[in-house]
Each structure stands twice: as C-alpha cells, then as structure tokens.
C-alpha atoms as a PDB file:
ATOM      1  CA  MET A   1      -9.294  82.478 -79.695  1.00  0.00           C
ATOM      2  CA  GLY A   2      -9.295  84.694 -76.562  1.00  0.00           C
ATOM      3  CA  ALA A   3     -10.381  81.371 -74.047  1.00  0.00           C
ATOM      4  CA  TYR A   4      -7.431  79.543 -75.354  1.00  0.00           C
ATOM      5  CA  ALA A   5      -4.786  82.799 -74.449  1.00  0.00           C
ATOM      6  CA  GLY A   6      -6.753  83.020 -71.367  1.00  0.00           C
ATOM      7  CA  ALA A   7      -6.222  79.195 -70.301  1.00  0.00           C
ATOM      8  CA  ILE A   8      -2.435  79.825 -71.314  1.00  0.00           C
ATOM      9  CA  LEU A   9      -1.928  82.532 -69.176  1.00  0.00           C
ATOM     10  CA  GLY A  10      -3.978  81.602 -66.388  1.00  0.00           C
ATOM     11  CA  ASP A  11      -1.920  78.610 -66.201  1.00  0.00           C
ATOM     12  CA  VAL A  12       0.875  80.325 -65.853  1.00  0.00           C
ATOM     13  CA  LEU A  13      -0.045  81.206 -62.305  1.00  0.00           C
ATOM     14  CA  TYR A  14      -2.858  78.266 -61.424  1.00  0.00           C
ATOM     15  CA  VAL A  15      -0.591  75.287 -62.092  1.00  0.00           C
ATOM     16  CA  PRO A  16       2.096  75.672 -59.681  1.00  0.00           C
ATOM     17  CA  GLY A  17      -0.393  77.245 -57.214  1.00  0.00           C
ATOM     18  CA  LYS A  18      -2.323  73.636 -57.214  1.00  0.00           C
ATOM     19  CA  VAL A  19       0.673  71.702 -57.299  1.00  0.00           C
ATOM     20  CA  ILE A  20       2.185  73.596 -54.260  1.00  0.00           C
ATOM     21  CA  PHE A  21      -0.939  73.105 -52.738  1.00  0.00           C
ATOM     22  CA  ALA A  22      -1.640  69.685 -53.297  1.00  0.00           C
ATOM     23  CA  GLY A  23       1.875  68.422 -52.302  1.00  0.00           C
ATOM     24  CA  LEU A  24       1.462  70.114 -49.387  1.00  0.00           C
ATOM     25  CA  GLY A  25      -1.809  68.456 -48.864  1.00  0.00           C
ATOM     26  CA  ALA A  26      -0.650  64.975 -49.331  1.00  0.00           C
ATOM     27  CA  VAL A  27       1.897  65.295 -46.704  1.00  0.00           C
ATOM     28  CA  THR A  28      -0.518  66.938 -44.641  1.00  0.00           C
ATOM     29  CA  SER A  29      -2.738  63.805 -45.320  1.00  0.00           C
ATOM     30  CA  GLY A  30      -0.079  61.629 -44.463  1.00  0.00           C
ATOM     31  CA  LEU A  31       0.933  63.338 -41.255  1.00  0.00           C
ATOM     32  CA  ALA A  32      -2.901  63.406 -39.809  1.00  0.00           C
ATOM     33  CA  TYR A  33      -2.519  59.580 -40.600  1.00  0.00           C
ATOM     34  CA  VAL A  34       0.186  58.841 -38.557  1.00  0.00           C
ATOM     35  CA  VAL A  35      -0.851  61.648 -35.794  1.00  0.00           C
ATOM     36  CA  THR A  36      -4.479  60.323 -35.291  1.00  0.00           C
ATOM     37  CA  LEU A  37      -2.997  56.536 -35.563  1.00  0.00           C
ATOM     38  CA  GLY A  38      -4.562  55.367 -38.314  1.00  0.00           C
ATOM     39  CA  ASN A  39      -7.717  57.476 -38.461  1.00  0.00           C
ATOM     40  CA  SER A  40      -7.962  57.180 -42.378  1.00  0.00           C
ATOM     41  CA  GLU A  41     -11.276  59.121 -42.677  1.00  0.00           C
ATOM     42  CA  THR A  42      -9.352  62.226 -41.211  1.00  0.00           C
ATOM     43  CA  SER A  43      -6.251  61.680 -43.888  1.00  0.00           C
ATOM     44  CA  ALA A  44      -8.982  60.837 -46.693  1.00  0.00           C
ATOM     45  CA  SER A  45     -10.761  63.970 -46.056  1.00  0.00           C
ATOM     46  CA  ILE A  46      -7.587  65.612 -46.354  1.00  0.00           C
ATOM     47  CA  TRP A  47      -6.416  64.502 -49.251  1.00  0.00           C
ATOM     48  CA  SER A  48      -9.908  64.741 -50.885  1.00  0.00           C
ATOM     49  CA  ALA A  49      -9.830  68.404 -50.301  1.00  0.00           C
ATOM     50  CA  THR A  50      -6.342  68.983 -51.477  1.00  0.00           C
ATOM     51  CA  VAL A  51      -4.931  66.730 -54.060  1.00  0.00           C
ATOM     52  CA  GLU A  52      -8.832  66.418 -56.125  1.00  0.00           C
ATOM     53  CA  GLY A  53      -9.786  68.989 -58.082  1.00  0.00           C
ATOM     54  CA  THR A  54      -8.591  70.608 -61.477  1.00  0.00           C
ATOM     55  CA  TYR A  55      -4.849  71.415 -62.343  1.00  0.00           C
ATOM     56  CA  VAL A  56      -4.934  72.212 -65.336  1.00  0.00           C
ATOM     57  CA  LEU A  57      -7.260  75.296 -66.793  1.00  0.00           C
ATOM     58  CA  THR A  58      -8.740  74.764 -70.235  1.00  0.00           C
ATOM     59  CA  PRO A  59     -10.826  77.417 -72.496  1.00  0.00           C
ATOM     60  CA  ARG A  60     -14.103  75.697 -71.024  1.00  0.00           C
ATOM     61  CA  HIS A  61     -12.709  76.523 -67.889  1.00  0.00           C
ATOM     62  CA  ILE A  62     -12.158  80.295 -69.004  1.00  0.00           C
ATOM     63  CA  GLU A  63     -15.881  80.098 -70.740  1.00  0.00           C
ATOM     64  CA  GLY A  64     -17.765  79.495 -67.412  1.00  0.00           C
ATOM     65  CA  LYS A  65     -18.659  75.985 -69.285  1.00  0.00           C
ATOM     66  CA  GLU A  66     -16.970  73.804 -66.614  1.00  0.00           C
ATOM     67  CA  PRO A  67     -16.310  74.686 -63.021  1.00  0.00           C
ATOM     68  CA  ILE A  68     -12.657  75.384 -61.760  1.00  0.00           C
ATOM     69  CA  ARG A  69     -12.262  73.099 -58.274  1.00  0.00           C
ATOM     70  CA  PHE A  70      -9.051  73.752 -56.909  1.00  0.00           C
ATOM     71  CA  PHE A  71     -10.192  72.355 -53.665  1.00  0.00           C
ATOM     72  CA  GLY A  72     -11.597  69.119 -54.275  1.00  0.00           C
ATOM     73  CA  PRO A  73     -15.023  67.861 -53.817  1.00  0.00           C
END
C-alpha cells in the first residue's frame, strides 16, 4: 500500500517536471535541426535524451523493481 501512495505523491511533482523537460527538449530538438541545416543525428540525440523515458511513476518504480528513466536511453 505504501508504494501506491509513494507513486501518487511522487507523480505530483515528477509528471509536471518530466512534461516540461520533454516539451523544452522537443523545441530544442527542432531548433537544433534548423540551426544545423537538417542534421537529423543531432536533433535525434536531443529528442531521445529529453522526450523518451518514464512519464508516470508506478509502485514498481517506488519499490525499485523497475528503473526510473527521467532521461532517455
């Protein structure tokens, strides 16, 4: 039961933080694509690092059974 409460309480701060981070990363990825004149490798690496990852904490994350990936792979 504690892991469920921990996940809910953690998500109150984690989810908005991850969404803001991912949104800024998406914008930065697009800008990088334009600034580098279409270099998709640069923009893809920014996208992967910021947009991918865990968006919602679950009891499995709180219990340590599944990793929390704020940053992408």
